[in-house]
Amino acid sequence: MNRMTLLQRTTGIGLVLLFVVGCSAPATPTLTPTPIPPTATSTPIPPTATSTPIPSTPTPTPRPGPKAGHWEGEPSVSFDVTTDGVIHNLSMTVLFGKNNIGLDRTCKITLKVINVEADGTFIFTEWVENTDTLRAFIDLGATMGIPTPEATQTASGEMIAGTIISGKFNSATTLSGTYIVRTCEGGINISDSQPTWSAEWKTP
């Protein structure tokens, strides 16, 4: 009896083993992984630099210089202008107050050279010694509201602006300006007037 039991158990075990072996699932095939190609790394494209526009500087319209040649005008003025725009041999006759009997006096001014600035302007000043007589006239004029003339100090003493001639070339062929004449050939004329003068190109 014991033998049978043992056999049954053995057989039972054998059945179980057979069952396990016979019913086992088929082996799963090993999958070969498909290699994934590396992802290409894109090279970043640097942004194109935007150039800042440079504002254009307007080109100034060149001012025409005075026309070279001979010029004439009023009051009784004449001079020459060279090709480099310099005034030569200016001659001007202007009124210079009254004489002892009340008649108009004139004064003739002659200048060798006057340099002209780039903007077409010029000024000439003749400095004279501030004598006692001239100072007395200036002081008298000041009591009447006449402006005191411009003065400068030099090694030889105080100097006064005796004659001032200024002007501007308004175009290549026209000029206008003002003048002050306080002293002329020993005479003195203190006034607050500032007469005008003008000239225009005449001949080459």
Protein backbone atom coordinates (compact mmCIF):
# COMPACT_ATOMS: atom_id res chain seq x y z
CA MET A 1 0.00 0.00 0.00
CA ASN A 2 2.74 2.21 0.69
CA ARG A 3 4.20 1.34 -2.61
CA MET A 4 1.10 2.33 -4.48
CA THR A 5 0.92 5.58 -2.76
CA LEU A 6 4.45 6.34 -3.63
CA LEU A 7 3.81 5.43 -7.21
CA GLN A 8 0.83 7.61 -7.39
CA ARG A 9 2.73 10.49 -5.99
CA THR A 10 5.56 9.88 -8.34
CA THR A 11 3.20 9.59 -11.19
CA GLY A 12 1.46 12.67 -10.01
CA ILE A 13 4.67 14.52 -10.04
CA GLY A 14 5.48 13.17 -13.46
CA LEU A 15 2.11 14.27 -14.73
CA VAL A 16 2.59 17.61 -13.33
CA LEU A 17 5.98 17.91 -14.86
CA LEU A 18 4.71 16.78 -18.20
CA PHE A 19 1.94 19.18 -17.98
CA VAL A 20 4.23 21.99 -17.16
CA VAL A 21 6.62 21.11 -19.93
CA GLY A 22 3.97 20.53 -22.50
CA CYS A 23 2.00 23.63 -21.67
CA SER A 24 4.86 26.04 -21.39
CA ALA A 25 4.60 29.13 -23.71
CA PRO A 26 6.86 29.24 -26.73
CA ALA A 27 10.05 31.23 -26.24
CA THR A 28 9.76 34.87 -27.18
CA PRO A 29 12.29 35.77 -29.86
CA THR A 30 14.81 38.36 -28.84
CA LEU A 31 14.12 41.64 -30.64
CA THR A 32 17.07 43.33 -32.21
CA PRO A 33 16.69 47.04 -31.50
CA THR A 34 16.69 49.24 -34.55
CA PRO A 35 19.34 51.86 -34.05
CA ILE A 36 17.93 55.36 -33.91
CA PRO A 37 19.96 57.69 -36.03
CA PRO A 38 21.36 60.58 -34.03
CA THR A 39 19.42 63.73 -34.31
CA ALA A 40 21.38 66.28 -36.26
CA THR A 41 22.17 69.34 -34.18
CA SER A 42 21.29 72.44 -36.16
CA THR A 43 23.93 75.13 -36.20
CA PRO A 44 22.31 78.37 -35.08
CA ILE A 45 22.47 81.10 -37.70
CA PRO A 46 23.56 84.36 -36.09
CA PRO A 47 21.10 87.18 -36.66
CA THR A 48 22.04 89.63 -39.32
CA ALA A 49 23.10 92.86 -37.69
CA THR A 50 20.83 95.71 -38.63
CA SER A 51 22.94 98.71 -39.53
CA THR A 52 21.82 101.96 -37.97
CA PRO A 53 21.35 104.50 -40.72
CA ILE A 54 23.64 107.49 -40.35
CA PRO A 55 21.71 110.70 -40.87
CA SER A 56 23.07 112.61 -43.80
CA THR A 57 24.48 116.03 -43.08
CA PRO A 58 22.97 118.61 -45.38
CA THR A 59 25.56 120.15 -47.61
CA PRO A 60 25.53 123.92 -47.09
CA THR A 61 25.01 125.95 -50.19
CA PRO A 62 28.27 127.77 -50.77
CA ARG A 63 27.96 131.53 -50.66
CA PRO A 64 29.30 133.09 -53.84
CA GLY A 65 32.25 135.34 -53.12
CA PRO A 66 32.46 138.89 -54.44
CA LYS A 67 33.08 139.10 -58.12
CA ALA A 68 36.60 140.13 -59.00
CA GLY A 69 36.93 143.47 -60.73
CA HIS A 70 36.14 147.14 -60.23
CA TRP A 71 33.31 148.25 -57.93
CA GLU A 72 31.63 151.65 -57.51
CA GLY A 73 28.92 153.07 -55.29
CA GLU A 74 27.64 155.78 -52.97
CA PRO A 75 28.70 158.06 -51.40
CA SER A 76 31.42 158.46 -54.01
CA VAL A 77 33.11 155.11 -53.35
CA SER A 78 35.26 152.90 -55.55
CA PHE A 79 37.55 149.93 -55.00
CA ASP A 80 38.85 146.77 -56.61
CA VAL A 81 38.29 143.14 -55.58
CA THR A 82 40.93 140.55 -56.38
CA THR A 83 40.23 136.95 -57.40
CA ASP A 84 40.86 135.83 -53.80
CA GLY A 85 38.15 138.19 -52.51
CA VAL A 86 40.32 140.94 -51.00
CA ILE A 87 39.40 144.63 -51.27
CA HIS A 88 42.13 146.89 -52.63
CA ASN A 89 42.50 150.65 -53.10
CA LEU A 90 39.23 151.73 -51.48
CA SER A 91 38.43 155.42 -51.91
CA MET A 92 35.39 156.97 -50.23
CA THR A 93 34.36 160.61 -49.84
CA VAL A 94 31.87 161.19 -47.02
CA LEU A 95 30.21 164.13 -45.31
CA PHE A 96 32.06 165.29 -42.23
CA GLY A 97 29.92 167.74 -40.34
CA LYS A 98 29.92 171.49 -40.94
CA ASN A 99 32.72 174.01 -41.30
CA ASN A 100 33.01 177.31 -39.44
CA ILE A 101 30.51 179.03 -41.72
CA GLY A 102 27.97 176.21 -41.67
CA LEU A 103 28.79 174.54 -44.96
CA ASP A 104 29.09 170.80 -45.36
CA ARG A 105 32.57 169.42 -44.99
CA THR A 106 33.76 166.26 -46.67
CA CYS A 107 36.43 163.76 -45.78
CA LYS A 108 38.19 161.48 -48.24
CA ILE A 109 39.14 158.05 -46.93
CA THR A 110 41.66 155.88 -48.72
CA LEU A 111 42.52 152.33 -47.69
CA LYS A 112 45.03 150.03 -49.33
CA VAL A 113 43.74 146.61 -48.27
CA ILE A 114 40.69 145.22 -46.44
CA ASN A 115 40.43 141.50 -45.79
CA VAL A 116 37.00 139.91 -46.14
CA GLU A 117 35.73 137.15 -43.84
CA ALA A 118 34.35 133.83 -45.10
CA ASP A 119 30.77 135.05 -44.57
CA GLY A 120 31.36 138.11 -46.78
CA THR A 121 31.66 140.65 -43.96
CA PHE A 122 34.51 143.03 -43.21
CA ILE A 123 35.35 145.87 -40.84
CA PHE A 124 38.13 148.42 -40.81
CA THR A 125 38.99 150.53 -37.74
CA GLU A 126 41.47 153.39 -37.68
CA TRP A 127 42.73 154.12 -34.17
CA VAL A 128 43.75 157.67 -33.28
CA GLU A 129 45.34 159.12 -30.18
CA ASN A 130 42.87 160.35 -27.62
CA THR A 131 44.20 163.90 -27.30
CA ASP A 132 42.92 166.45 -24.81
CA THR A 133 40.95 168.16 -27.57
CA LEU A 134 39.36 164.92 -28.74
CA ARG A 135 38.57 163.93 -25.16
CA ALA A 136 36.83 167.27 -24.62
CA PHE A 137 34.62 166.68 -27.67
CA ILE A 138 33.83 163.14 -26.51
CA ASP A 139 32.88 164.37 -23.06
CA LEU A 140 30.68 167.06 -24.59
CA GLY A 141 29.01 164.50 -26.80
CA ALA A 142 28.34 162.28 -23.79
CA THR A 143 26.32 165.10 -22.17
CA MET A 144 24.13 165.07 -25.30
CA GLY A 145 23.62 161.31 -25.19
CA ILE A 146 26.16 160.46 -27.88
CA PRO A 147 27.76 157.05 -27.15
CA THR A 148 31.40 157.13 -26.12
CA PRO A 149 33.66 155.80 -28.89
CA GLU A 150 35.38 152.47 -28.47
CA ALA A 151 38.80 152.88 -26.91
CA THR A 152 41.89 150.75 -26.41
CA GLN A 153 45.01 151.18 -24.35
CA THR A 154 48.43 150.97 -26.00
CA ALA A 155 51.99 151.58 -24.91
CA SER A 156 51.75 155.13 -26.25
CA GLY A 157 48.47 155.88 -24.47
CA GLU A 158 44.76 155.59 -25.00
CA MET A 159 43.54 155.24 -28.57
CA ILE A 160 40.06 156.01 -29.88
CA ALA A 161 38.27 154.44 -32.86
CA GLY A 162 38.46 157.46 -35.16
CA THR A 163 37.10 155.81 -38.32
CA ILE A 164 35.08 152.61 -38.67
CA ILE A 165 34.04 151.25 -42.06
CA SER A 166 32.06 148.01 -42.15
CA GLY A 167 30.22 146.18 -44.88
CA LYS A 168 28.95 142.90 -46.27
CA PHE A 169 28.81 141.41 -49.75
CA ASN A 170 25.14 140.54 -50.03
CA SER A 171 25.74 138.79 -53.34
CA ALA A 172 28.51 138.34 -55.87
CA THR A 173 27.80 141.80 -57.28
CA THR A 174 26.31 143.90 -54.45
CA LEU A 175 27.57 145.28 -51.13
CA SER A 176 26.13 147.41 -48.33
CA GLY A 177 27.55 148.79 -45.10
CA THR A 178 27.88 151.63 -42.61
CA TYR A 179 30.62 154.07 -41.60
CA ILE A 180 31.61 156.36 -38.74
CA VAL A 181 34.20 159.12 -39.20
CA ARG A 182 35.10 161.04 -36.03
CA THR A 183 38.43 162.52 -37.05
CA CYS A 184 39.70 163.69 -40.43
CA GLU A 185 42.66 165.89 -41.31
CA GLY A 186 42.77 167.44 -37.86
CA GLY A 187 39.02 167.97 -37.66
CA ILE A 188 36.72 166.33 -35.12
CA ASN A 189 33.11 165.35 -35.66
CA ILE A 190 31.37 163.65 -32.74
CA SER A 191 27.96 162.36 -33.80
CA ASP A 192 25.63 159.47 -33.05
CA SER A 193 24.75 159.01 -36.72
CA GLN A 194 25.92 155.94 -38.61
CA PRO A 195 25.39 156.62 -42.33
CA THR A 196 25.09 153.79 -44.85
CA TRP A 197 27.02 153.15 -48.05
CA SER A 198 26.69 150.68 -50.91
CA ALA A 199 28.50 149.51 -54.02
CA GLU A 200 28.11 147.13 -56.94
CA TRP A 201 30.35 145.38 -59.41
CA LYS A 202 30.99 147.36 -62.58
CA THR A 203 33.76 145.92 -64.74
CA PRO A 204 36.20 142.97 -64.66
